[in-house]
N, C-alpha and C. Protein backbone atom coordinates (compact mmCIF):
# COMPACT_ATOMS: atom_id res chain seq x y z
N MET A 1 -14.24 39.78 -14.09
CA MET A 1 -13.73 39.11 -13.26
C MET A 1 -12.61 38.54 -14.43
N SER A 2 -11.16 38.02 -14.19
CA SER A 2 -9.71 37.77 -14.85
C SER A 2 -10.74 35.98 -15.01
N LEU A 3 -9.99 35.62 -16.10
CA LEU A 3 -10.68 34.72 -16.46
C LEU A 3 -9.10 33.23 -16.39
N PHE A 4 -7.99 33.69 -16.02
CA PHE A 4 -6.83 33.19 -15.75
C PHE A 4 -6.47 33.41 -15.08
N TYR A 5 -6.10 32.38 -14.21
CA TYR A 5 -5.60 32.42 -12.47
C TYR A 5 -4.39 31.25 -11.91
N ILE A 6 -3.53 31.43 -11.27
CA ILE A 6 -2.72 30.55 -9.95
C ILE A 6 -2.47 30.66 -8.69
N LEU A 7 -2.19 29.72 -8.01
CA LEU A 7 -2.65 29.78 -6.97
C LEU A 7 -1.43 30.59 -5.81
N ASP A 8 -1.35 31.15 -4.93
CA ASP A 8 -0.28 31.60 -3.45
C ASP A 8 -0.10 30.20 -3.07
N ASP A 9 0.53 30.54 -2.55
CA ASP A 9 0.99 29.60 -1.52
C ASP A 9 0.83 29.21 -0.57
N ASP A 10 -0.51 29.67 0.34
CA ASP A 10 -1.50 29.37 0.59
C ASP A 10 -3.15 28.84 -0.44
N HIS A 11 -2.76 28.31 -1.03
CA HIS A 11 -3.80 28.32 -2.31
C HIS A 11 -4.41 28.88 -2.85
N ARG A 12 -5.09 30.03 -2.16
CA ARG A 12 -5.17 30.92 -2.70
C ARG A 12 -5.73 31.22 -4.18
N PRO A 13 -6.53 31.41 -4.93
CA PRO A 13 -6.39 31.76 -6.55
C PRO A 13 -6.12 33.22 -6.46
N VAL A 14 -5.50 33.49 -7.63
CA VAL A 14 -4.86 34.84 -7.84
C VAL A 14 -4.43 35.75 -9.10
N PRO A 15 -5.41 36.34 -9.36
CA PRO A 15 -5.98 36.37 -11.69
C PRO A 15 -4.73 36.50 -12.19
N VAL A 16 -4.37 36.20 -13.07
CA VAL A 16 -2.90 36.86 -14.13
C VAL A 16 -4.13 37.09 -14.95
N ASP A 17 -2.56 38.05 -15.97
CA ASP A 17 -3.42 38.87 -17.27
C ASP A 17 -3.59 38.35 -18.17
N ASP A 18 -2.31 36.88 -18.52
CA ASP A 18 -3.04 36.14 -19.71
C ASP A 18 -2.43 34.70 -19.87
N ILE A 19 -2.84 33.85 -20.28
CA ILE A 19 -2.84 32.50 -20.70
C ILE A 19 -1.52 32.04 -20.40
N VAL A 20 -0.32 32.43 -20.70
CA VAL A 20 1.09 32.63 -20.82
C VAL A 20 1.49 32.73 -19.79
N THR A 21 1.41 33.49 -18.81
CA THR A 21 1.97 33.51 -17.27
C THR A 21 0.94 31.92 -16.35
N ALA A 22 -0.27 31.74 -16.92
CA ALA A 22 -1.65 31.18 -16.33
C ALA A 22 -0.75 29.24 -16.71
N ALA A 23 -0.19 29.33 -17.84
CA ALA A 23 0.27 27.84 -18.45
C ALA A 23 1.44 27.69 -17.67
N SER A 24 2.68 28.73 -17.88
CA SER A 24 4.21 28.43 -17.48
C SER A 24 4.14 28.16 -15.43
N TRP A 25 2.73 28.73 -15.18
CA TRP A 25 2.86 27.96 -13.66
C TRP A 25 2.07 26.92 -13.74
N TRP A 26 1.23 26.78 -14.07
CA TRP A 26 0.12 25.38 -13.95
C TRP A 26 0.67 24.21 -14.01
N GLY A 27 0.65 22.54 -13.61
CA GLY A 27 1.25 22.12 -13.38
C GLY A 27 3.16 21.61 -12.90
N LYS A 28 3.18 22.52 -12.63
CA LYS A 28 4.68 22.85 -12.29
C LYS A 28 4.56 22.25 -10.51
N ASP A 29 5.35 21.12 -10.27
CA ASP A 29 6.03 21.01 -8.57
C ASP A 29 4.72 20.24 -8.14
N GLY A 30 3.74 19.50 -9.31
CA GLY A 30 1.72 19.49 -8.90
C GLY A 30 1.26 20.65 -7.90
N ASN A 31 1.24 21.43 -7.87
CA ASN A 31 0.47 22.57 -7.71
C ASN A 31 -0.41 22.76 -8.40
N SER A 32 -0.91 22.14 -9.74
CA SER A 32 -2.67 21.68 -9.62
C SER A 32 -2.66 20.35 -9.25
N ARG A 33 -2.16 19.48 -8.52
CA ARG A 33 -2.96 18.31 -8.50
C ARG A 33 -4.04 18.81 -6.61
N VAL A 34 -4.91 18.83 -6.21
CA VAL A 34 -5.68 19.08 -5.08
C VAL A 34 -5.37 17.69 -3.94
N ALA A 35 -6.50 16.37 -4.98
CA ALA A 35 -6.04 14.95 -4.65
C ALA A 35 -6.01 14.63 -5.25
N LEU A 36 -5.80 12.76 -4.60
CA LEU A 36 -5.99 11.44 -6.35
C LEU A 36 -5.73 10.60 -4.90
N ASP A 37 -6.69 9.90 -5.54
CA ASP A 37 -7.73 8.62 -5.06
C ASP A 37 -8.20 7.18 -5.61
N THR A 38 -7.84 6.56 -5.62
CA THR A 38 -8.08 5.04 -6.32
C THR A 38 -9.38 4.70 -5.76
N VAL A 39 -10.40 4.06 -5.55
CA VAL A 39 -11.24 3.05 -4.63
C VAL A 39 -11.86 1.90 -5.64
N GLY A 40 -11.79 1.09 -5.54
CA GLY A 40 -11.97 0.04 -6.49
C GLY A 40 -11.57 0.64 -8.05
N ASP A 41 -12.15 0.42 -8.83
CA ASP A 41 -11.53 0.87 -10.62
C ASP A 41 -11.79 1.74 -10.61
N LEU A 42 -12.39 2.78 -9.77
CA LEU A 42 -12.59 4.26 -9.61
C LEU A 42 -11.22 5.14 -9.39
N GLU A 43 -10.99 6.29 -10.08
CA GLU A 43 -9.80 7.35 -10.32
C GLU A 43 -10.72 8.53 -10.26
N ILE A 44 -10.63 9.43 -8.49
CA ILE A 44 -11.01 10.07 -8.59
C ILE A 44 -10.26 11.58 -8.51
N SER A 45 -10.03 11.57 -8.60
CA SER A 45 -8.87 13.20 -9.52
C SER A 45 -9.63 14.31 -9.07
N THR A 46 -8.84 15.21 -8.19
CA THR A 46 -9.17 16.83 -8.11
C THR A 46 -8.20 17.43 -8.77
N VAL A 47 -8.67 18.89 -9.10
CA VAL A 47 -7.67 19.65 -9.30
C VAL A 47 -7.71 21.07 -9.75
N PHE A 48 -6.94 22.01 -9.83
CA PHE A 48 -6.85 23.30 -10.02
C PHE A 48 -7.04 24.05 -11.25
N LEU A 49 -7.73 23.83 -12.05
CA LEU A 49 -8.11 23.83 -13.34
C LEU A 49 -7.19 25.47 -14.23
N MET A 50 -6.92 26.68 -13.22
CA MET A 50 -5.86 27.87 -13.77
C MET A 50 -7.49 28.68 -14.97
N ILE A 51 -8.00 27.89 -15.11
CA ILE A 51 -9.17 29.07 -16.54
C ILE A 51 -11.10 29.16 -15.43
N ASN A 52 -11.06 30.17 -15.09
CA ASN A 52 -12.37 30.25 -14.56
C ASN A 52 -13.19 29.38 -15.07
N HIS A 53 -14.13 28.18 -14.91
CA HIS A 53 -15.16 27.93 -15.28
C HIS A 53 -16.89 28.17 -14.94
N ARG A 54 -17.27 29.42 -14.57
CA ARG A 54 -18.01 30.66 -14.04
C ARG A 54 -18.32 31.16 -15.12
N PHE A 55 -20.08 30.44 -15.66
CA PHE A 55 -19.49 30.97 -17.13
C PHE A 55 -21.30 32.88 -17.16
N TRP A 56 -21.48 32.39 -15.89
CA TRP A 56 -22.54 33.67 -16.13
C TRP A 56 -21.32 34.89 -14.99
N PRO A 57 -21.89 35.80 -15.17
CA PRO A 57 -21.24 37.44 -13.99
C PRO A 57 -21.23 37.21 -12.72
N LYS A 58 -22.18 36.61 -12.17
CA LYS A 58 -22.17 37.12 -10.23
C LYS A 58 -21.65 35.67 -10.12
N GLY A 59 -20.77 35.56 -8.92
CA GLY A 59 -20.54 34.73 -8.26
C GLY A 59 -18.65 34.75 -8.03
N PRO A 60 -18.29 34.18 -6.88
CA PRO A 60 -16.73 33.64 -7.53
C PRO A 60 -16.37 32.53 -8.03
N PRO A 61 -15.22 32.42 -8.78
CA PRO A 61 -14.49 32.09 -10.13
C PRO A 61 -15.06 30.66 -9.66
N ILE A 62 -15.22 30.18 -10.53
CA ILE A 62 -14.90 28.34 -10.24
C ILE A 62 -13.99 27.76 -11.03
N LEU A 63 -12.63 27.06 -10.00
CA LEU A 63 -11.49 27.17 -10.59
C LEU A 63 -11.00 25.27 -9.87
N PHE A 64 -11.49 24.77 -9.20
CA PHE A 64 -10.92 23.20 -8.96
C PHE A 64 -12.36 22.47 -9.39
N GLU A 65 -11.13 21.35 -9.92
CA GLU A 65 -13.03 20.70 -10.40
C GLU A 65 -12.56 18.91 -10.15
N THR A 66 -13.24 18.88 -9.66
CA THR A 66 -13.07 16.62 -9.02
C THR A 66 -13.41 15.75 -10.01
N MET A 67 -12.94 14.90 -10.67
CA MET A 67 -13.44 14.25 -11.98
C MET A 67 -13.25 12.15 -11.04
N VAL A 68 -14.21 11.67 -11.30
CA VAL A 68 -14.49 10.40 -11.54
C VAL A 68 -14.13 9.46 -12.75
N PHE A 69 -13.13 9.05 -12.55
CA PHE A 69 -13.46 7.78 -14.22
C PHE A 69 -13.42 6.94 -13.56
N ARG A 70 -13.52 6.03 -14.44
CA ARG A 70 -13.79 4.86 -14.66
C ARG A 70 -13.34 4.16 -16.08
N ASP A 71 -12.10 3.40 -15.84
CA ASP A 71 -11.38 2.88 -17.21
C ASP A 71 -11.22 4.08 -18.09
N GLY A 72 -10.85 4.91 -17.68
CA GLY A 72 -10.58 6.17 -18.66
C GLY A 72 -11.74 6.92 -18.54
N GLU A 73 -12.87 6.65 -18.82
CA GLU A 73 -14.05 7.22 -19.44
C GLU A 73 -14.67 8.51 -17.53
N GLU A 74 -15.12 9.46 -17.92
CA GLU A 74 -15.50 10.65 -17.15
C GLU A 74 -17.02 9.60 -16.21
N VAL A 75 -16.87 9.38 -14.59
CA VAL A 75 -17.98 8.91 -14.22
C VAL A 75 -19.02 10.25 -14.18
N GLU A 76 -18.44 11.10 -13.36
CA GLU A 76 -18.68 12.06 -12.32
C GLU A 76 -18.03 13.67 -12.84
N CYS A 77 -18.82 14.79 -12.68
CA CYS A 77 -17.70 15.90 -12.54
C CYS A 77 -18.39 16.57 -11.07
N GLN A 78 -17.63 17.63 -10.69
CA GLN A 78 -17.94 18.90 -9.82
C GLN A 78 -16.76 19.63 -9.56
N ARG A 79 -17.15 20.76 -9.11
CA ARG A 79 -16.97 22.30 -9.44
C ARG A 79 -16.46 22.79 -7.90
N TYR A 80 -15.46 23.98 -8.27
CA TYR A 80 -15.89 24.33 -6.59
C TYR A 80 -14.73 26.08 -6.87
N ALA A 81 -15.66 26.24 -6.44
CA ALA A 81 -14.66 28.00 -6.59
C ALA A 81 -13.55 27.86 -5.61
N SER A 82 -13.21 27.21 -4.23
CA SER A 82 -12.09 27.31 -3.47
C SER A 82 -11.57 26.55 -3.36
N TRP A 83 -9.45 26.20 -3.09
CA TRP A 83 -9.27 24.86 -2.17
C TRP A 83 -9.73 24.44 -0.81
N ASP A 84 -10.40 24.19 -0.21
CA ASP A 84 -10.86 23.95 0.69
C ASP A 84 -12.01 23.39 0.71
N ASP A 85 -13.22 23.95 -0.45
CA ASP A 85 -14.18 23.22 -1.04
C ASP A 85 -14.03 22.29 -2.14
N ALA A 86 -13.09 22.09 -2.72
CA ALA A 86 -12.28 21.13 -3.36
C ALA A 86 -11.88 19.70 -2.86
N LEU A 87 -11.38 20.32 -1.63
CA LEU A 87 -11.08 19.51 -0.76
C LEU A 87 -12.14 18.57 0.08
N THR A 88 -12.88 19.50 0.40
CA THR A 88 -14.00 18.77 1.28
C THR A 88 -14.89 17.79 -0.53
N GLY A 89 -15.36 18.48 -1.23
CA GLY A 89 -16.11 17.69 -2.10
C GLY A 89 -14.61 16.60 -2.89
N HIS A 90 -14.20 16.81 -3.27
CA HIS A 90 -13.17 15.02 -2.86
C HIS A 90 -13.33 13.99 -1.97
N ALA A 91 -13.60 14.54 -0.68
CA ALA A 91 -13.50 13.53 0.33
C ALA A 91 -15.41 13.00 0.12
N VAL A 92 -15.96 14.14 0.28
CA VAL A 92 -17.49 13.26 0.10
C VAL A 92 -17.41 12.56 -1.15
N ILE A 93 -16.66 12.77 -2.36
CA ILE A 93 -16.66 11.82 -3.56
C ILE A 93 -16.31 10.44 -3.31
N VAL A 94 -14.85 10.86 -2.74
CA VAL A 94 -13.98 9.48 -1.97
C VAL A 94 -14.94 8.54 -1.03
N ARG A 95 -16.03 9.07 -0.56
CA ARG A 95 -16.55 8.30 0.72
C ARG A 95 -17.88 8.04 -0.24
N ARG A 96 -18.58 8.63 -0.87
CA ARG A 96 -19.55 7.70 -1.72
C ARG A 96 -19.38 6.49 -2.71
N CYS A 97 -18.17 6.52 -3.02
CA CYS A 97 -17.58 6.00 -4.12
C CYS A 97 -16.95 4.96 -3.03
N ARG A 98 -16.77 4.67 -2.03
CA ARG A 98 -16.29 3.16 -1.51
C ARG A 98 -17.68 3.15 -0.79
N VAL A 99 -18.41 3.41 -0.86
CA VAL A 99 -20.18 2.73 -0.18
C VAL A 99 -20.40 2.20 -1.56
N LYS A 100 -20.31 2.87 -2.67
CA LYS A 100 -20.36 2.44 -3.69
C LYS A 100 -19.42 0.79 -3.95
N VAL A 101 -18.81 0.82 -3.42
CA VAL A 101 -17.86 -0.14 -4.53
C VAL A 101 -18.40 -1.10 -3.54
N GLU A 102 -18.58 -1.04 -2.43
CA GLU A 102 -18.77 -2.05 -1.07
C GLU A 102 -19.87 -2.45 -1.01
N GLU A 103 -21.19 -1.99 -1.40
CA GLU A 103 -22.23 -2.22 -1.57
C GLU A 103 -22.16 -3.14 -2.71
N GLY A 104 -21.34 -2.89 -4.12
CA GLY A 104 -21.39 -3.90 -5.04
C GLY A 104 -20.82 -5.47 -5.03
N ALA A 105 -19.73 -4.80 -3.83
CA ALA A 105 -19.30 -6.17 -3.35
C ALA A 105 -19.83 -7.04 -3.00
N GLU A 106 -20.90 -6.75 -2.36
CA GLU A 106 -21.89 -7.67 -1.63
C GLU A 106 -22.79 -8.53 -2.45
């Protein structure tokens, strides 16, 4: 399994041989951003990581991450294997954050 990846035009991971290739692709034209939302004082950011974060041998590469920040500090982190899972996970976390913010406002 490769350590470094880029995304094709359909957001599917494509393995590459080295970090230079991956780094030259990553971040151009927003290609690494999956989603970004703000809920109250929380920022929810989901991105393509470029580096496989699966640290055990079996299963698909873990290449996407949603992080929730409050005042620049990490509050939560979830990781995913696909763009679609990352979008779904981002939406779930945004909904959960909205509920928490609304409950806190009462």
